[in-house]
Amino acid sequence: MLKFRLMSMQILIALGALLLSACGASDLDLTPTLTLGPDEIRTQAVGTFSADLTATAFAAPTDTPIPTLTPLATFTPFATSTGGVAFGSTAPAAGGTVGCYAMAFVSDVTVPDNTPMDPGEDFTKTWKVQNSGSCAWDAGFKFTFVSGDAMDGTTYTLPSAVAAGATTDISVAMTAPTASGTVRGDWQMYTASGQAIPGGVYVQVVVGGGAAPAPTNTGAAPAAATATATATATTTTP
């Protein structure tokens, strides 16, 4: 490449001399005077070549690195509900928390457990119970026979509301069976819509003087009680 540039310079000098000759220059002018020595010519040629290389380097496209994509933040999905208490029902008590509706036995006002009865004898059983829940019992709640022997007792409907924590007496007219033996009936409170209220009481009498155990009416929910009142041939359901 350098040799080529030197030859180009020499050709340009020769062409210049010819042009001067053609224009009628003097003999002195026709003799070209070299003002640059061979070394200076080579130096200029090398400089020109270097400049061309630099210009070529600037003109050449450079590799631009592709920008790295930053991943978007990952959002944690909202927790979905995996269950709960159905609408209109009472949530179970946890850690001793009092539920909305509950009933507790306080005392037998009349006819204590294992009271002797003659066959077919009429009597009125009265319980003192407490609204042990956090919600009031509304007028229209029903105290209903659920298992055992109803002894002709019928559903008792609350005539007025009972505040949370308050006590009330509930009386049901009954008739002792004609058969001798120990007879028991279990009773429970229900809302006007038929929801069973936790807790229950019972009545137990001994008909005809037969032997009977001596349980204590603790007010615990009857073992045979169900969420729906059970009707028998001798009872009236709510």
C-alpha atoms as a PDB file:
ATOM      1  CA  MET A   1       0.000   0.000   0.000  1.00  0.00           C
ATOM      2  CA  LEU A   2       2.864   2.384   0.859  1.00  0.00           C
ATOM      3  CA  LYS A   3       4.585   1.644  -2.441  1.00  0.00           C
ATOM      4  CA  PHE A   4       1.373   2.415  -4.254  1.00  0.00           C
ATOM      5  CA  ARG A   5       1.074   5.783  -2.580  1.00  0.00           C
ATOM      6  CA  LEU A   6       4.718   6.667  -3.425  1.00  0.00           C
ATOM      7  CA  MET A   7       4.083   5.852  -7.061  1.00  0.00           C
ATOM      8  CA  SER A   8       0.951   8.000  -6.956  1.00  0.00           C
ATOM      9  CA  MET A   9       2.936  10.962  -5.650  1.00  0.00           C
ATOM     10  CA  GLN A  10       5.556  10.559  -8.371  1.00  0.00           C
ATOM     11  CA  ILE A  11       2.900  10.415 -11.073  1.00  0.00           C
ATOM     12  CA  LEU A  12       1.296  13.593  -9.712  1.00  0.00           C
ATOM     13  CA  ILE A  13       4.665  15.376  -9.813  1.00  0.00           C
ATOM     14  CA  ALA A  14       5.246  14.245 -13.395  1.00  0.00           C
ATOM     15  CA  LEU A  15       1.790  15.419 -14.472  1.00  0.00           C
ATOM     16  CA  GLY A  16       2.457  18.797 -12.887  1.00  0.00           C
ATOM     17  CA  ALA A  17       5.632  19.164 -14.863  1.00  0.00           C
ATOM     18  CA  LEU A  18       3.865  18.331 -18.107  1.00  0.00           C
ATOM     19  CA  LEU A  19       1.194  20.917 -17.417  1.00  0.00           C
ATOM     20  CA  LEU A  20       3.743  23.605 -16.800  1.00  0.00           C
ATOM     21  CA  SER A  21       5.485  22.682 -20.046  1.00  0.00           C
ATOM     22  CA  ALA A  22       2.260  22.912 -22.001  1.00  0.00           C
ATOM     23  CA  CYS A  23       1.580  26.428 -20.717  1.00  0.00           C
ATOM     24  CA  GLY A  24       4.853  27.804 -22.177  1.00  0.00           C
ATOM     25  CA  ALA A  25       6.943  27.735 -19.090  1.00  0.00           C
ATOM     26  CA  SER A  26      10.649  28.587 -19.333  1.00  0.00           C
ATOM     27  CA  ASP A  27      13.428  26.033 -19.371  1.00  0.00           C
ATOM     28  CA  LEU A  28      13.994  26.795 -15.761  1.00  0.00           C
ATOM     29  CA  ASP A  29      10.386  26.155 -14.962  1.00  0.00           C
ATOM     30  CA  LEU A  30      10.374  22.955 -16.988  1.00  0.00           C
ATOM     31  CA  THR A  31      12.865  21.457 -14.598  1.00  0.00           C
ATOM     32  CA  PRO A  32      10.910  20.223 -11.613  1.00  0.00           C
ATOM     33  CA  THR A  33      12.377  21.063  -8.280  1.00  0.00           C
ATOM     34  CA  LEU A  34      11.766  18.502  -5.632  1.00  0.00           C
ATOM     35  CA  THR A  35      11.267  20.299  -2.336  1.00  0.00           C
ATOM     36  CA  LEU A  36      10.726  17.061  -0.400  1.00  0.00           C
ATOM     37  CA  GLY A  37      13.224  14.366   0.077  1.00  0.00           C
ATOM     38  CA  PRO A  38      12.454  10.667  -0.281  1.00  0.00           C
ATOM     39  CA  ASP A  39      12.312  10.231   3.500  1.00  0.00           C
ATOM     40  CA  GLU A  40       9.822  13.094   3.892  1.00  0.00           C
ATOM     41  CA  ILE A  41       7.698  11.688   1.083  1.00  0.00           C
ATOM     42  CA  ARG A  42       7.614   8.313   2.836  1.00  0.00           C
ATOM     43  CA  THR A  43       6.736  10.008   6.115  1.00  0.00           C
ATOM     44  CA  GLN A  44       3.785  11.845   4.534  1.00  0.00           C
ATOM     45  CA  ALA A  45       2.644   8.671   2.806  1.00  0.00           C
ATOM     46  CA  VAL A  46       2.742   6.742   6.083  1.00  0.00           C
ATOM     47  CA  GLY A  47       0.789   9.548   7.830  1.00  0.00           C
ATOM     48  CA  THR A  48      -1.815   9.572   5.093  1.00  0.00           C
ATOM     49  CA  PHE A  49      -2.125   5.791   5.320  1.00  0.00           C
ATOM     50  CA  SER A  50      -2.564   5.962   9.098  1.00  0.00           C
ATOM     51  CA  ALA A  51      -5.223   8.656   8.731  1.00  0.00           C
ATOM     52  CA  ASP A  52      -7.082   6.454   6.256  1.00  0.00           C
ATOM     53  CA  LEU A  53      -6.967   3.549   8.670  1.00  0.00           C
ATOM     54  CA  THR A  54      -8.330   5.742  11.488  1.00  0.00           C
ATOM     55  CA  ALA A  55     -11.158   7.020   9.294  1.00  0.00           C
ATOM     56  CA  THR A  56     -11.979   3.466   8.259  1.00  0.00           C
ATOM     57  CA  ALA A  57     -12.075   2.370  11.892  1.00  0.00           C
ATOM     58  CA  PHE A  58     -14.491   5.183  12.782  1.00  0.00           C
ATOM     59  CA  ALA A  59     -16.671   4.372   9.796  1.00  0.00           C
ATOM     60  CA  ALA A  60     -16.893   0.664  10.650  1.00  0.00           C
ATOM     61  CA  PRO A  61     -19.924  -0.261  12.704  1.00  0.00           C
ATOM     62  CA  THR A  62     -19.245  -1.262  16.277  1.00  0.00           C
ATOM     63  CA  ASP A  63     -20.933  -4.075  18.122  1.00  0.00           C
ATOM     64  CA  THR A  64     -23.464  -2.502  20.476  1.00  0.00           C
ATOM     65  CA  PRO A  65     -24.224  -4.847  23.373  1.00  0.00           C
ATOM     66  CA  ILE A  66     -27.860  -5.887  23.609  1.00  0.00           C
ATOM     67  CA  PRO A  67     -29.412  -4.411  26.771  1.00  0.00           C
ATOM     68  CA  THR A  68     -30.195  -6.945  29.454  1.00  0.00           C
ATOM     69  CA  LEU A  69     -33.898  -7.184  30.207  1.00  0.00           C
ATOM     70  CA  THR A  70     -34.688  -6.799  33.883  1.00  0.00           C
ATOM     71  CA  PRO A  71     -37.477  -9.216  34.915  1.00  0.00           C
ATOM     72  CA  LEU A  72     -40.605  -7.622  36.312  1.00  0.00           C
ATOM     73  CA  ALA A  73     -41.315  -8.036  39.994  1.00  0.00           C
ATOM     74  CA  THR A  74     -43.296 -11.132  40.829  1.00  0.00           C
ATOM     75  CA  PHE A  75     -46.507 -10.437  42.723  1.00  0.00           C
ATOM     76  CA  THR A  76     -47.714 -12.942  45.264  1.00  0.00           C
ATOM     77  CA  PRO A  77     -51.372 -13.820  44.541  1.00  0.00           C
ATOM     78  CA  PHE A  78     -53.914 -12.966  47.177  1.00  0.00           C
ATOM     79  CA  ALA A  79     -54.780 -15.766  49.450  1.00  0.00           C
ATOM     80  CA  THR A  80     -58.040 -17.422  48.595  1.00  0.00           C
ATOM     81  CA  SER A  81     -60.570 -18.454  51.024  1.00  0.00           C
ATOM     82  CA  THR A  82     -60.359 -22.169  51.862  1.00  0.00           C
ATOM     83  CA  GLY A  83     -63.511 -22.413  53.936  1.00  0.00           C
ATOM     84  CA  GLY A  84     -65.490 -20.823  56.747  1.00  0.00           C
ATOM     85  CA  VAL A  85     -68.791 -20.730  58.563  1.00  0.00           C
ATOM     86  CA  ALA A  86     -71.853 -20.827  56.346  1.00  0.00           C
ATOM     87  CA  PHE A  87     -73.993 -17.706  56.258  1.00  0.00           C
ATOM     88  CA  GLY A  88     -76.631 -17.684  58.957  1.00  0.00           C
ATOM     89  CA  SER A  89     -74.932 -20.298  61.124  1.00  0.00           C
ATOM     90  CA  THR A  90     -73.111 -19.868  64.412  1.00  0.00           C
ATOM     91  CA  ALA A  91     -69.327 -20.240  64.393  1.00  0.00           C
ATOM     92  CA  PRO A  92     -67.979 -22.812  66.834  1.00  0.00           C
ATOM     93  CA  ALA A  93     -66.497 -21.384  70.020  1.00  0.00           C
ATOM     94  CA  ALA A  94     -62.689 -21.495  70.145  1.00  0.00           C
ATOM     95  CA  GLY A  95     -60.439 -20.963  73.118  1.00  0.00           C
ATOM     96  CA  GLY A  96     -63.375 -20.483  75.466  1.00  0.00           C
ATOM     97  CA  THR A  97     -64.989 -17.765  73.351  1.00  0.00           C
ATOM     98  CA  VAL A  98     -68.721 -17.494  73.975  1.00  0.00           C
ATOM     99  CA  GLY A  99     -70.843 -18.235  70.898  1.00  0.00           C
ATOM    100  CA  CYS A 100     -73.775 -16.153  69.765  1.00  0.00           C
ATOM    101  CA  TYR A 101     -76.390 -18.635  70.966  1.00  0.00           C
ATOM    102  CA  ALA A 102     -76.068 -21.016  73.940  1.00  0.00           C
ATOM    103  CA  MET A 103     -78.198 -22.279  76.820  1.00  0.00           C
ATOM    104  CA  ALA A 104     -77.091 -23.434  80.278  1.00  0.00           C
ATOM    105  CA  PHE A 105     -79.071 -25.305  82.950  1.00  0.00           C
ATOM    106  CA  VAL A 106     -79.406 -23.420  86.254  1.00  0.00           C
ATOM    107  CA  SER A 107     -81.769 -25.473  88.424  1.00  0.00           C
ATOM    108  CA  ASP A 108     -84.912 -27.614  88.596  1.00  0.00           C
ATOM    109  CA  VAL A 109     -87.642 -25.290  89.853  1.00  0.00           C
ATOM    110  CA  THR A 110     -90.168 -28.148  90.024  1.00  0.00           C
ATOM    111  CA  VAL A 111     -90.019 -31.943  89.717  1.00  0.00           C
ATOM    112  CA  PRO A 112     -86.363 -32.671  90.537  1.00  0.00           C
ATOM    113  CA  ASP A 113     -84.696 -35.691  88.986  1.00  0.00           C
ATOM    114  CA  ASN A 114     -86.234 -39.077  89.922  1.00  0.00           C
ATOM    115  CA  THR A 115     -89.407 -37.584  91.433  1.00  0.00           C
ATOM    116  CA  PRO A 116     -91.901 -40.445  92.067  1.00  0.00           C
ATOM    117  CA  MET A 117     -95.015 -40.319  89.892  1.00  0.00           C
ATOM    118  CA  ASP A 118     -98.182 -42.374  89.738  1.00  0.00           C
ATOM    119  CA  PRO A 119     -99.013 -43.865  86.332  1.00  0.00           C
ATOM    120  CA  GLY A 120    -100.874 -41.245  84.290  1.00  0.00           C
ATOM    121  CA  GLU A 121    -100.256 -38.438  86.826  1.00  0.00           C
ATOM    122  CA  ASP A 122    -100.295 -34.885  85.493  1.00  0.00           C
ATOM    123  CA  PHE A 123     -97.505 -32.509  86.496  1.00  0.00           C
ATOM    124  CA  THR A 124     -95.756 -29.336  85.342  1.00  0.00           C
ATOM    125  CA  LYS A 125     -92.016 -29.387  84.866  1.00  0.00           C
ATOM    126  CA  THR A 126     -90.213 -26.020  85.281  1.00  0.00           C
ATOM    127  CA  TRP A 127     -86.549 -25.408  84.514  1.00  0.00           C
ATOM    128  CA  LYS A 128     -84.524 -22.294  85.237  1.00  0.00           C
ATOM    129  CA  VAL A 129     -82.135 -21.782  82.350  1.00  0.00           C
ATOM    130  CA  GLN A 130     -79.665 -19.094  81.368  1.00  0.00           C
ATOM    131  CA  ASN A 131     -78.967 -17.499  78.007  1.00  0.00           C
ATOM    132  CA  SER A 132     -75.215 -18.169  78.164  1.00  0.00           C
ATOM    133  CA  GLY A 133     -74.479 -16.889  74.668  1.00  0.00           C
ATOM    134  CA  SER A 134     -73.578 -13.407  73.485  1.00  0.00           C
ATOM    135  CA  CYS A 135     -76.815 -12.832  71.531  1.00  0.00           C
ATOM    136  CA  ALA A 136     -80.307 -12.293  72.902  1.00  0.00           C
ATOM    137  CA  TRP A 137     -83.014 -14.910  72.455  1.00  0.00           C
ATOM    138  CA  ASP A 138     -85.834 -13.364  70.497  1.00  0.00           C
ATOM    139  CA  ALA A 139     -89.502 -13.788  71.232  1.00  0.00           C
ATOM    140  CA  GLY A 140     -90.659 -16.743  69.153  1.00  0.00           C
ATOM    141  CA  PHE A 141     -87.706 -19.020  69.962  1.00  0.00           C
ATOM    142  CA  LYS A 142     -88.962 -22.554  70.622  1.00  0.00           C
ATOM    143  CA  PHE A 143     -88.143 -24.894  73.508  1.00  0.00           C
ATOM    144  CA  THR A 144     -88.722 -28.343  72.020  1.00  0.00           C
ATOM    145  CA  PHE A 145     -88.662 -32.039  72.938  1.00  0.00           C
ATOM    146  CA  VAL A 146     -85.842 -33.841  71.078  1.00  0.00           C
ATOM    147  CA  SER A 147     -85.469 -37.392  72.454  1.00  0.00           C
ATOM    148  CA  GLY A 148     -86.669 -39.917  75.065  1.00  0.00           C
ATOM    149  CA  ASP A 149     -90.282 -39.664  76.227  1.00  0.00           C
ATOM    150  CA  ALA A 150     -92.085 -36.345  75.828  1.00  0.00           C
ATOM    151  CA  MET A 151     -94.735 -37.421  78.384  1.00  0.00           C
ATOM    152  CA  ASP A 152     -97.326 -35.483  76.372  1.00  0.00           C
ATOM    153  CA  GLY A 153     -95.295 -32.273  76.671  1.00  0.00           C
ATOM    154  CA  THR A 154     -95.621 -29.768  73.821  1.00  0.00           C
ATOM    155  CA  THR A 155     -93.318 -27.095  72.406  1.00  0.00           C
ATOM    156  CA  TYR A 156     -92.940 -23.943  74.501  1.00  0.00           C
ATOM    157  CA  THR A 157     -92.599 -20.652  72.586  1.00  0.00           C
ATOM    158  CA  LEU A 158     -90.760 -17.768  74.224  1.00  0.00           C
ATOM    159  CA  PRO A 159     -93.291 -14.960  74.807  1.00  0.00           C
ATOM    160  CA  SER A 160     -90.569 -12.285  75.087  1.00  0.00           C
ATOM    161  CA  ALA A 161     -86.864 -11.777  74.432  1.00  0.00           C
ATOM    162  CA  VAL A 162     -84.214 -13.010  76.884  1.00  0.00           C
ATOM    163  CA  ALA A 163     -81.048 -10.906  77.012  1.00  0.00           C
ATOM    164  CA  ALA A 164     -77.590 -12.452  76.873  1.00  0.00           C
ATOM    165  CA  GLY A 165     -76.592 -13.599  80.367  1.00  0.00           C
ATOM    166  CA  ALA A 166     -80.164 -13.413  81.718  1.00  0.00           C
ATOM    167  CA  THR A 167     -82.117 -16.332  83.203  1.00  0.00           C
ATOM    168  CA  THR A 168     -85.701 -17.368  82.596  1.00  0.00           C
ATOM    169  CA  ASP A 169     -88.118 -20.091  83.774  1.00  0.00           C
ATOM    170  CA  ILE A 170     -89.559 -22.480  81.225  1.00  0.00           C
ATOM    171  CA  SER A 171     -92.590 -24.588  82.176  1.00  0.00           C
ATOM    172  CA  VAL A 172     -94.087 -27.514  80.254  1.00  0.00           C
ATOM    173  CA  ALA A 173     -97.245 -29.429  81.280  1.00  0.00           C
ATOM    174  CA  MET A 174     -96.709 -33.213  81.172  1.00  0.00           C
ATOM    175  CA  THR A 175     -98.377 -36.511  82.040  1.00  0.00           C
ATOM    176  CA  ALA A 176     -96.531 -39.526  83.457  1.00  0.00           C
ATOM    177  CA  PRO A 177     -96.755 -42.718  81.366  1.00  0.00           C
ATOM    178  CA  THR A 178     -98.930 -45.603  82.592  1.00  0.00           C
ATOM    179  CA  ALA A 179     -96.029 -48.071  82.472  1.00  0.00           C
ATOM    180  CA  SER A 180     -93.809 -48.302  85.547  1.00  0.00           C
ATOM    181  CA  GLY A 181     -90.147 -47.427  85.447  1.00  0.00           C
ATOM    182  CA  THR A 182     -87.763 -44.533  85.022  1.00  0.00           C
ATOM    183  CA  VAL A 183     -88.787 -42.158  82.255  1.00  0.00           C
ATOM    184  CA  ARG A 184     -86.663 -39.380  80.780  1.00  0.00           C
ATOM    185  CA  GLY A 185     -87.236 -36.706  78.152  1.00  0.00           C
ATOM    186  CA  ASP A 186     -84.635 -34.369  76.610  1.00  0.00           C
ATOM    187  CA  TRP A 187     -85.428 -30.773  75.561  1.00  0.00           C
ATOM    188  CA  GLN A 188     -83.560 -28.091  73.629  1.00  0.00           C
ATOM    189  CA  MET A 189     -83.986 -24.474  72.497  1.00  0.00           C
ATOM    190  CA  TYR A 190     -84.300 -23.547  68.810  1.00  0.00           C
ATOM    191  CA  THR A 191     -84.351 -20.236  66.987  1.00  0.00           C
ATOM    192  CA  ALA A 192     -87.505 -19.233  65.125  1.00  0.00           C
ATOM    193  CA  SER A 193     -85.830 -20.414  61.894  1.00  0.00           C
ATOM    194  CA  GLY A 194     -85.100 -23.865  63.346  1.00  0.00           C
ATOM    195  CA  GLN A 195     -81.406 -23.499  64.298  1.00  0.00           C
ATOM    196  CA  ALA A 196     -80.527 -25.641  67.331  1.00  0.00           C
ATOM    197  CA  ILE A 197     -79.011 -23.715  70.244  1.00  0.00           C
ATOM    198  CA  PRO A 198     -76.157 -25.554  72.000  1.00  0.00           C
ATOM    199  CA  GLY A 199     -77.045 -26.827  75.464  1.00  0.00           C
ATOM    200  CA  GLY A 200     -80.055 -28.738  76.663  1.00  0.00           C
ATOM    201  CA  VAL A 201     -81.967 -29.995  79.711  1.00  0.00           C
ATOM    202  CA  TYR A 202     -84.061 -33.023  80.604  1.00  0.00           C
ATOM    203  CA  VAL A 203     -86.819 -34.229  82.925  1.00  0.00           C
ATOM    204  CA  GLN A 204     -86.639 -37.630  84.646  1.00  0.00           C
ATOM    205  CA  VAL A 205     -89.314 -39.218  86.831  1.00  0.00           C
ATOM    206  CA  VAL A 206     -89.898 -42.653  88.345  1.00  0.00           C
ATOM    207  CA  VAL A 207     -93.356 -44.057  87.608  1.00  0.00           C
ATOM    208  CA  GLY A 208     -94.944 -46.670  89.907  1.00  0.00           C
ATOM    209  CA  GLY A 209     -92.182 -46.650  92.538  1.00  0.00           C
ATOM    210  CA  GLY A 210     -89.638 -48.587  90.450  1.00  0.00           C
ATOM    211  CA  ALA A 211     -85.940 -48.278  91.194  1.00  0.00           C
ATOM    212  CA  ALA A 212     -84.072 -45.508  89.336  1.00  0.00           C
ATOM    213  CA  PRO A 213     -80.504 -44.203  89.090  1.00  0.00           C
ATOM    214  CA  ALA A 214     -79.700 -40.790  90.494  1.00  0.00           C
ATOM    215  CA  PRO A 215     -78.275 -38.665  87.650  1.00  0.00           C
ATOM    216  CA  THR A 216     -77.740 -34.949  88.029  1.00  0.00           C
ATOM    217  CA  ASN A 217     -79.275 -32.553  85.530  1.00  0.00           C
ATOM    218  CA  THR A 218     -76.125 -30.635  84.587  1.00  0.00           C
ATOM    219  CA  GLY A 219     -77.597 -28.866  81.612  1.00  0.00           C
ATOM    220  CA  ALA A 220     -75.300 -30.639  79.137  1.00  0.00           C
ATOM    221  CA  ALA A 221     -76.672 -31.165  75.657  1.00  0.00           C
ATOM    222  CA  PRO A 222     -78.645 -34.441  75.482  1.00  0.00           C
ATOM    223  CA  ALA A 223     -76.661 -37.237  73.917  1.00  0.00           C
ATOM    224  CA  ALA A 224     -79.580 -38.210  71.695  1.00  0.00           C
ATOM    225  CA  ALA A 225     -80.410 -34.637  70.621  1.00  0.00           C
ATOM    226  CA  THR A 226     -80.170 -33.816  66.942  1.00  0.00           C
ATOM    227  CA  ALA A 227     -80.123 -30.584  64.962  1.00  0.00           C
ATOM    228  CA  THR A 228     -83.725 -31.241  63.922  1.00  0.00           C
ATOM    229  CA  ALA A 229     -86.440 -31.962  66.466  1.00  0.00           C
ATOM    230  CA  THR A 230     -87.584 -35.594  66.377  1.00  0.00           C
ATOM    231  CA  ALA A 231     -91.303 -36.184  66.424  1.00  0.00           C
ATOM    232  CA  THR A 232     -92.895 -39.118  68.228  1.00  0.00           C
ATOM    233  CA  ALA A 233     -96.449 -40.360  68.425  1.00  0.00           C
ATOM    234  CA  THR A 234     -96.991 -38.555  71.715  1.00  0.00           C
ATOM    235  CA  THR A 235     -95.369 -35.189  70.922  1.00  0.00           C
ATOM    236  CA  THR A 236     -95.974 -32.063  68.862  1.00  0.00           C
ATOM    237  CA  THR A 237     -92.983 -30.708  66.966  1.00  0.00           C
ATOM    238  CA  PRO A 238     -92.408 -26.962  66.420  1.00  0.00           C
END
